[in-house]
Protein backbone atom coordinates (compact mmCIF):
# COMPACT_ATOMS: atom_id res chain seq x y z
CA MET A 1 -34.91 8.87 14.19
CA ARG A 2 -38.60 9.54 14.83
CA ASN A 3 -39.16 11.24 11.47
CA MET A 4 -36.64 9.08 9.46
CA GLU A 5 -38.18 6.41 7.33
CA ARG A 6 -37.12 3.01 8.51
CA TYR A 7 -37.33 -0.58 7.29
CA THR A 8 -37.26 -4.06 8.76
CA THR A 9 -34.55 -6.46 7.57
CA GLY A 10 -37.13 -8.02 5.23
CA LYS A 11 -38.23 -4.71 3.57
CA PHE A 12 -34.68 -3.42 3.47
CA ALA A 13 -33.59 -6.39 1.60
CA LYS A 14 -36.34 -6.16 -0.82
CA LEU A 15 -35.65 -2.50 -1.37
CA ALA A 16 -31.92 -3.20 -2.07
CA ASN A 17 -32.83 -6.26 -4.27
CA VAL A 18 -30.80 -8.54 -2.04
CA THR A 19 -31.69 -11.56 0.08
CA GLU A 20 -32.48 -11.24 3.71
CA ARG A 21 -29.83 -13.77 4.31
CA THR A 22 -27.22 -11.31 2.86
CA ILE A 23 -28.40 -8.47 5.25
CA ARG A 24 -28.34 -10.73 8.20
CA TYR A 25 -24.78 -12.03 7.34
CA TYR A 26 -23.47 -8.47 6.99
CA ASP A 27 -25.31 -7.66 10.32
CA LYS A 28 -23.68 -10.61 12.06
CA ILE A 29 -20.14 -9.89 11.01
CA GLY A 30 -20.51 -6.17 11.87
CA LEU A 31 -20.08 -4.84 8.33
CA LEU A 32 -23.56 -3.38 8.03
CA LYS A 33 -25.33 -2.87 11.41
CA PRO A 34 -28.98 -1.70 11.50
CA THR A 35 -29.38 1.99 12.47
CA LEU A 36 -31.85 1.10 15.21
CA VAL A 37 -32.53 -1.99 17.29
CA SER A 38 -35.73 -1.64 19.39
CA GLU A 39 -36.13 -2.82 22.86
CA LYS A 40 -37.73 -5.94 21.68
CA GLY A 41 -34.88 -6.68 19.28
CA TYR A 42 -36.38 -5.61 15.95
CA ARG A 43 -33.75 -4.29 13.59
CA TYR A 44 -34.39 -1.33 11.49
CA TYR A 45 -32.63 0.16 8.50
CA THR A 46 -32.81 3.58 6.85
CA LYS A 47 -32.19 4.82 3.29
CA GLU A 48 -28.77 6.04 4.53
CA ASP A 49 -27.82 2.40 5.15
CA LEU A 50 -28.29 1.87 1.44
CA PHE A 51 -25.23 4.20 1.06
CA LYS A 52 -23.08 1.60 2.85
CA LEU A 53 -24.94 -1.47 1.34
CA GLN A 54 -24.30 -0.19 -2.22
CA LYS A 55 -20.54 0.32 -1.54
CA ILE A 56 -20.33 -3.20 -0.10
CA LEU A 57 -22.06 -4.77 -3.02
CA SER A 58 -19.96 -2.68 -5.55
CA LEU A 59 -16.62 -3.62 -4.00
CA ARG A 60 -17.64 -7.26 -3.57
CA HIS A 61 -18.53 -7.34 -7.35
CA LEU A 62 -15.14 -5.77 -8.03
CA GLY A 63 -13.39 -8.55 -6.25
CA PHE A 64 -12.63 -7.09 -2.85
CA SER A 65 -12.62 -9.55 0.05
CA ILE A 66 -14.75 -9.02 3.23
CA GLU A 67 -11.64 -8.16 5.28
CA GLU A 68 -10.62 -5.60 2.59
CA ILE A 69 -14.01 -4.05 2.56
CA PHE A 70 -14.18 -3.49 6.29
CA PRO A 71 -11.88 -0.48 6.54
CA LEU A 72 -13.30 1.01 3.26
CA VAL A 73 -16.89 0.87 4.54
CA VAL A 74 -16.83 1.45 8.21
CA SER A 75 -14.51 4.62 7.83
CA GLU A 76 -16.15 8.02 7.54
CA GLU A 77 -16.76 9.08 4.11
CA ASN A 78 -19.32 11.16 2.16
CA LEU A 79 -21.27 9.78 -0.72
CA LYS A 80 -19.37 11.78 -3.23
CA ASP A 81 -16.12 10.30 -2.32
CA SER A 82 -17.56 6.82 -2.16
CA LEU A 83 -18.89 7.12 -5.61
CA ASP A 84 -15.60 8.71 -6.97
CA LEU A 85 -13.72 5.68 -5.62
CA GLN A 86 -15.99 3.24 -7.13
CA MET A 87 -16.04 5.05 -10.51
CA SER A 88 -12.07 5.00 -10.44
CA LEU A 89 -12.16 1.27 -9.78
CA VAL A 90 -14.88 0.53 -12.44
CA GLU A 91 -13.05 2.56 -15.06
CA LYS A 92 -9.77 0.63 -14.40
CA ARG A 93 -11.93 -2.71 -14.77
CA ILE A 94 -13.26 -1.43 -18.03
CA VAL A 95 -9.91 -0.58 -19.43
CA HIS A 96 -8.83 -4.00 -18.54
CA LEU A 97 -11.81 -5.90 -20.01
CA GLN A 98 -11.47 -3.86 -23.21
CA SER A 99 -7.86 -4.96 -23.58
CA LEU A 100 -8.88 -8.60 -22.87
CA LEU A 101 -11.71 -8.43 -25.34
CA ASP A 102 -9.27 -7.01 -28.05
CA SER A 103 -6.79 -9.68 -27.25
CA LEU A 104 -9.42 -12.36 -27.56
CA LYS A 105 -10.59 -11.10 -30.92
CA ARG A 106 -6.96 -11.00 -32.22
CA THR A 107 -6.33 -14.58 -30.99
CA SER A 108 -9.75 -15.69 -32.50
CA ASN A 109 -8.79 -13.99 -35.91
CA SER A 110 -5.31 -15.63 -35.92
CA ILE A 111 -6.82 -18.93 -35.68
CA GLU A 112 -9.16 -18.34 -38.61
CA GLU A 113 -6.17 -16.85 -40.65
CA ASN A 114 -3.90 -19.78 -39.76
CA THR A 115 -1.43 -17.45 -38.13
CA PHE A 116 -1.87 -18.56 -34.52
CA ASP A 117 1.04 -19.40 -32.24
CA TRP A 118 1.26 -20.57 -28.64
CA ASN A 119 3.08 -17.23 -27.62
CA THR A 120 -0.25 -15.38 -28.31
CA MET A 121 -2.05 -17.80 -26.14
CA ILE A 122 0.56 -17.24 -23.43
CA SER A 123 0.16 -13.38 -23.58
CA LEU A 124 -3.65 -13.96 -23.53
CA THR A 125 -3.36 -16.03 -20.28
CA HIS A 126 -1.34 -13.38 -18.60
CA LEU A 127 -3.69 -10.60 -19.53
CA THR A 128 -6.77 -12.72 -18.27
CA ASN A 129 -4.92 -13.29 -14.86
CA GLU A 130 -4.08 -9.53 -14.57
CA ASP A 131 -7.77 -8.75 -13.65
CA SER A 132 -7.21 -10.48 -10.28
CA HIS A 133 -4.38 -8.04 -9.49
CA LEU A 134 -6.54 -4.66 -9.68
CA VAL A 135 -7.78 -5.04 -6.15
CA GLU A 136 -4.35 -5.84 -4.83
CA GLN A 137 -2.92 -2.80 -6.74
CA TYR A 138 -5.58 -0.43 -5.35
CA MET A 139 -5.02 -1.78 -1.76
CA ASN A 140 -1.29 -1.51 -2.01
CA ALA A 141 -1.66 2.02 -3.17
CA LYS A 142 -4.18 2.96 -0.46
CA ASN A 143 -2.21 1.26 2.31
CA LEU A 144 1.02 3.01 1.25
CA ASN A 145 -0.81 6.42 1.22
CA ASP A 146 -2.38 5.77 4.68
CA ARG A 147 1.03 5.02 6.20
CA ILE A 148 2.74 8.05 4.68
CA SER A 149 -0.16 10.22 5.82
CA LEU A 150 0.23 9.42 9.40
CA HIS A 151 3.97 10.50 9.37
CA ASP A 152 3.16 13.71 7.28
CA LEU A 153 0.43 14.77 9.85
CA TYR A 154 2.14 14.12 13.04
CA SER A 155 5.96 13.91 12.73
CA ILE A 156 7.91 16.13 15.19
CA ASN A 157 10.76 16.53 12.74
CA LYS A 158 9.33 19.21 10.38
CA GLU A 159 12.01 18.54 7.65
CA GLY A 160 10.20 15.42 6.69
CA TRP A 161 11.39 12.03 5.91
CA PHE A 162 11.38 12.29 1.97
CA PRO A 163 13.20 15.60 1.93
CA TRP A 164 15.91 14.27 4.25
CA LEU A 165 16.29 11.03 2.34
CA PHE A 166 16.66 13.04 -0.89
CA ASP A 167 19.46 15.10 0.61
CA GLN A 168 21.40 12.09 1.53
CA ILE A 169 21.96 11.29 -2.18
CA ASP A 170 25.17 12.65 -3.65
CA PHE A 171 23.89 13.74 -7.06
CA SER A 172 27.39 15.05 -7.96
CA LYS A 173 28.29 11.37 -8.60
CA VAL A 174 25.05 10.37 -10.26
CA THR A 175 24.48 9.99 -13.95
CA ARG A 176 22.26 7.05 -13.84
CA LEU A 177 20.13 6.12 -10.74
CA LEU A 178 17.74 3.25 -10.29
CA GLU A 179 15.18 3.30 -7.41
CA ILE A 180 14.04 -0.21 -6.35
CA GLY A 181 10.40 -0.07 -5.03
CA CYS A 182 9.51 3.54 -5.82
CA GLY A 183 5.95 2.95 -4.44
CA ASN A 184 3.84 6.11 -5.40
CA GLY A 185 6.94 8.16 -6.32
CA LYS A 186 6.61 10.65 -3.37
CA LEU A 187 10.26 10.98 -2.96
CA TRP A 188 10.48 12.75 -6.29
CA GLU A 189 7.44 15.05 -5.95
CA GLY A 190 8.25 18.64 -5.92
CA GLN A 191 12.04 18.28 -5.73
CA LYS A 192 13.86 21.29 -7.06
CA LYS A 193 17.06 19.77 -7.79
CA ASN A 194 18.12 20.06 -11.56
CA LEU A 195 17.96 16.36 -12.72
CA ARG A 196 18.84 17.29 -16.29
CA ASN A 197 21.52 15.25 -18.13
CA ARG A 198 20.69 12.43 -15.62
CA GLU A 199 18.83 9.23 -16.26
CA ILE A 200 16.47 8.40 -13.29
CA PHE A 201 14.77 4.99 -13.47
CA LEU A 202 11.83 4.45 -11.04
CA SER A 203 10.92 0.93 -10.53
CA ASP A 204 8.34 -1.17 -8.49
CA ILE A 205 7.34 -4.76 -8.65
CA SER A 206 3.70 -3.65 -8.82
CA SER A 207 2.62 -2.62 -12.40
CA GLY A 208 -0.13 -0.43 -10.69
CA MET A 209 2.34 1.50 -8.81
CA VAL A 210 4.52 2.07 -11.87
CA GLU A 211 1.51 3.34 -13.75
CA GLU A 212 0.59 5.69 -11.09
CA VAL A 213 4.11 7.12 -10.95
CA ARG A 214 4.17 7.49 -14.62
CA LYS A 215 0.95 9.47 -14.64
CA LYS A 216 2.06 11.51 -11.62
CA LEU A 217 5.69 12.43 -12.55
CA GLY A 218 5.47 12.49 -16.47
CA ASN A 219 8.39 12.06 -18.85
CA ASP A 220 11.23 13.23 -16.64
CA PHE A 221 11.51 9.73 -15.31
CA ASN A 222 11.82 6.19 -16.74
CA CYS A 223 9.14 4.16 -14.99
CA ILE A 224 9.59 0.35 -15.27
CA GLN A 225 8.34 -2.74 -13.47
CA VAL A 226 11.16 -4.59 -11.91
CA ASP A 227 11.71 -7.29 -9.55
CA CYS A 228 14.81 -6.63 -7.46
CA GLU A 229 16.03 -10.09 -7.76
CA HIS A 230 16.05 -9.91 -11.56
CA ILE A 231 17.22 -6.42 -12.50
CA PRO A 232 16.93 -6.19 -16.42
CA PHE A 233 20.11 -3.97 -16.82
CA LYS A 234 23.74 -4.74 -17.85
CA ASP A 235 26.61 -5.01 -15.38
CA ALA A 236 28.01 -1.69 -13.92
CA TYR A 237 25.21 0.30 -15.51
CA PHE A 238 24.11 2.55 -12.61
CA ASP A 239 26.04 5.12 -10.45
CA ALA A 240 23.53 4.68 -7.62
CA VAL A 241 20.70 2.49 -6.52
CA LEU A 242 18.10 3.61 -4.03
CA ALA A 243 15.86 1.29 -2.02
CA ASN A 244 13.55 3.13 0.58
CA HIS A 245 12.13 0.70 3.13
CA VAL A 246 12.28 -2.10 0.55
CA LEU A 247 15.08 -4.51 1.25
CA PHE A 248 13.20 -6.39 4.00
CA TYR A 249 10.53 -7.27 1.56
CA VAL A 250 12.90 -9.00 -0.86
CA LYS A 251 12.29 -12.82 -0.82
CA ASP A 252 15.88 -13.66 -1.35
CA LEU A 253 17.78 -10.74 0.16
CA GLU A 254 21.16 -12.20 -0.67
CA ASN A 255 20.27 -12.64 -4.36
CA GLY A 256 18.59 -9.08 -4.37
CA LEU A 257 21.82 -7.48 -3.06
CA ALA A 258 23.90 -9.42 -5.51
CA GLU A 259 21.82 -8.07 -8.38
CA ILE A 260 22.12 -4.56 -7.02
CA ALA A 261 25.83 -4.89 -6.68
CA ARG A 262 26.10 -6.24 -10.25
CA VAL A 263 24.31 -3.22 -11.81
CA LEU A 264 26.38 -0.74 -9.86
CA ARG A 265 29.71 0.43 -11.27
CA LYS A 266 32.83 -0.05 -9.23
CA GLU A 267 32.49 3.36 -7.43
CA GLY A 268 28.70 3.01 -7.20
CA ILE A 269 26.54 3.61 -4.12
CA LEU A 270 23.60 2.00 -2.66
CA TYR A 271 21.31 4.08 -0.46
CA CYS A 272 18.95 1.89 1.46
CA SER A 273 16.76 2.85 4.26
CA THR A 274 15.24 0.64 6.99
CA TYR A 275 13.73 0.59 10.60
CA GLY A 276 15.04 -0.36 14.09
CA SER A 277 13.61 -2.85 16.43
CA HIS A 278 11.75 0.00 18.41
CA HIS A 279 10.25 1.61 15.37
CA MET A 280 6.28 2.33 16.21
CA LYS A 281 6.63 -0.02 19.03
CA GLU A 282 3.71 1.75 20.88
CA VAL A 283 1.39 1.02 17.98
CA THR A 284 1.96 -2.69 18.40
CA GLN A 285 1.37 -2.20 22.27
CA ILE A 286 -2.06 -0.32 21.50
CA VAL A 287 -3.44 -3.00 19.21
CA GLN A 288 -2.33 -5.90 21.49
CA ASP A 289 -3.88 -4.21 24.48
CA PHE A 290 -7.24 -4.09 22.48
CA ASP A 291 -6.82 -7.62 21.31
CA SER A 292 -3.86 -9.85 22.09
CA ARG A 293 -4.41 -11.86 18.83
CA ILE A 294 -3.50 -9.07 16.65
CA ALA A 295 -0.10 -9.12 14.73
CA LEU A 296 0.52 -6.08 12.53
CA SER A 297 3.09 -8.01 10.52
CA GLN A 298 3.72 -11.68 9.79
CA THR A 299 7.45 -11.07 10.20
CA HIS A 300 9.67 -8.60 12.05
CA LEU A 301 10.88 -6.50 9.14
CA TYR A 302 13.81 -5.21 11.11
CA ALA A 303 14.96 -8.68 11.76
CA VAL A 304 15.26 -9.34 8.07
CA PHE A 305 17.11 -6.09 7.24
CA GLY A 306 17.19 -3.52 10.01
CA LEU A 307 19.24 -0.71 11.65
CA GLU A 308 20.74 -3.32 13.98
CA ASN A 309 21.89 -5.91 11.44
CA GLY A 310 22.04 -3.93 8.21
CA ARG A 311 25.59 -3.10 8.32
CA GLU A 312 26.64 -6.65 8.77
CA ILE A 313 24.44 -7.76 5.81
CA LEU A 314 25.78 -5.05 3.50
CA GLU A 315 29.36 -5.60 4.28
CA GLN A 316 29.04 -8.87 2.57
CA LYS A 317 28.62 -7.10 -0.71
CA PHE A 318 30.31 -3.64 -0.17
CA HIS A 319 33.50 -2.41 0.98
CA VAL A 320 32.31 0.59 2.80
CA VAL A 321 29.09 0.83 4.83
CA GLU A 322 27.79 4.03 6.64
CA LYS A 323 24.80 4.52 8.76
CA ARG A 324 22.86 7.74 9.31
CA ILE A 325 19.79 8.02 11.65
CA TYR A 326 16.79 10.24 11.17
CA LYS A 327 15.68 11.57 14.44
CA ASP A 328 12.01 11.87 14.75
CA ALA A 329 8.78 10.84 16.62
CA LEU A 330 5.11 11.10 16.31
CA GLU A 331 2.64 13.01 18.41
CA ILE A 332 -0.87 11.80 17.35
CA ARG A 333 -3.96 13.78 18.12
CA GLU A 334 -6.62 12.18 16.07
CA SER A 335 -7.98 8.68 15.99
CA LYS A 336 -8.77 8.32 12.27
CA PRO A 337 -5.24 8.59 10.74
CA LEU A 338 -3.96 6.16 13.38
CA VAL A 339 -6.70 3.66 12.76
CA ASP A 340 -6.12 4.06 8.95
CA TYR A 341 -2.44 3.26 9.58
CA ILE A 342 -3.11 0.21 11.57
CA MET A 343 -5.62 -1.18 9.13
CA SER A 344 -3.06 -0.61 6.23
CA CYS A 345 -0.42 -3.04 7.93
CA HIS A 346 0.39 -6.45 6.59
CA GLY A 347 -0.95 -8.48 9.40
CA ASN A 348 -4.25 -10.12 10.62
CA GLN A 349 -5.76 -6.78 11.93
CA ASN A 350 -8.47 -6.59 9.21
CA GLU A 351 -9.81 -9.91 10.19
CA ILE A 352 -9.95 -9.10 13.94
CA ILE A 353 -10.49 -5.37 14.08
CA GLY A 354 -12.75 -5.15 11.01
CA PRO A 355 -15.93 -6.36 12.68
CA ARG A 356 -15.17 -4.18 15.71
CA LEU A 357 -13.82 -1.11 13.86
CA LYS A 358 -16.22 1.39 15.55
CA GLU A 359 -15.29 -0.11 18.89
CA PHE A 360 -11.59 0.20 18.01
CA ARG A 361 -11.87 3.80 16.94
CA GLU A 362 -13.66 4.62 20.27
CA TYR A 363 -10.90 2.74 22.16
CA ILE A 364 -8.34 5.17 20.47
CA ASP A 365 -10.46 8.05 21.13
CA SER A 366 -10.41 7.05 24.84
CA LEU A 367 -6.58 6.89 24.83
CA LEU A 368 -6.41 10.50 23.26
CA GLU A 369 -8.50 11.82 26.04
CA LYS A 370 -5.49 11.55 28.14
CA GLY A 371 -3.36 13.57 25.62
CA PRO A 372 -1.44 13.01 22.37
CA ILE A 373 -0.23 9.53 21.75
CA HIS A 374 3.53 9.45 21.69
CA ILE A 375 5.00 7.17 19.08
CA THR A 376 8.66 6.14 18.84
CA LYS A 377 10.26 6.41 15.41
CA GLU A 378 13.54 4.64 14.65
CA ALA A 379 14.60 4.86 11.04
CA GLY A 380 17.64 5.63 9.03
CA ILE A 381 19.70 4.90 6.07
CA PHE A 382 22.71 2.83 5.14
CA ILE A 383 25.06 4.30 2.47
CA ALA A 384 26.97 1.37 0.88
CA LYS A 385 29.83 2.13 -1.42
CA ASN A 386 32.21 0.26 -3.73
CA PRO A 387 30.38 -3.07 -4.43
CA LYS A 388 32.66 -6.32 -4.12
């Protein structure tokens, strides 16, 4: 630190072309702390702090909230990765803005040519609003990848969840299959089964996820945006429907299951996975021991549709329901993947842990000094046959 160029808050703000108030605010909330605080309380920043500040300002400009920025900035990341992330987000924004500009021009021209109709304005309104979803789509994709990554790294069962889930599907009875909530399409990556002469429809409510899967998997699959409660296919169209950890997110589950049953043929099969009440229970205990205010989920997903109540729920729509359990657990040996997983959850942890993320990681490291952290996994699948 002796030979490192350093700046007071005022000089650092001037160097970065922001106000001192901005720097003090980021310091106060813990988003950008000074590299050095002297014994007299003077705060000093370095050029390396510009790395974090530039990323903060860029993400704020792109529409990210402070809570969303915390795990993206405080996490360890080199400059190249940071710039690549920002370039990707800016490119998506450029594509969207170009589409919006083209639509505005077409709408303006239609007025001049007396060909304007209000359906054009409705489409323009939808396109204008899509920009607000870019951040949400990115965060959804990142959070899903962080959750999957923890299981890939530390699962005891070496078969892996996705290969096991894939093997539960009886493809001998499948000509048309619809996956509800396909996420990033990981289930279908690298699968060797011959899917020729079969129509596989991968759907998600997020247009961003659908686009990611389309780019990743190519033309072998039909990738479409679908809301489970309004499936745009005729009755008895599919031989099988797959919903991997999805049904507990459906707003009106009864209506969603009715839609699934409707599009399945008489002998059709629904494959739907879920969790039990003890799934990842140690993670909840860990965060609440750190701060009792933290809730990783606004609702208990297993209470909506879980291993304990899933059979009863499905039997209202299907004649035959079978449950299969995937035996597994996690043995975690590093803090970062666990911290990333926790910050990816749907609760209030970003708000509470975000300003204390460094402290939280040190807390996890202190737990790991005693040995690997054991995490219970309680997941499985229901196979529901013959819709009523």
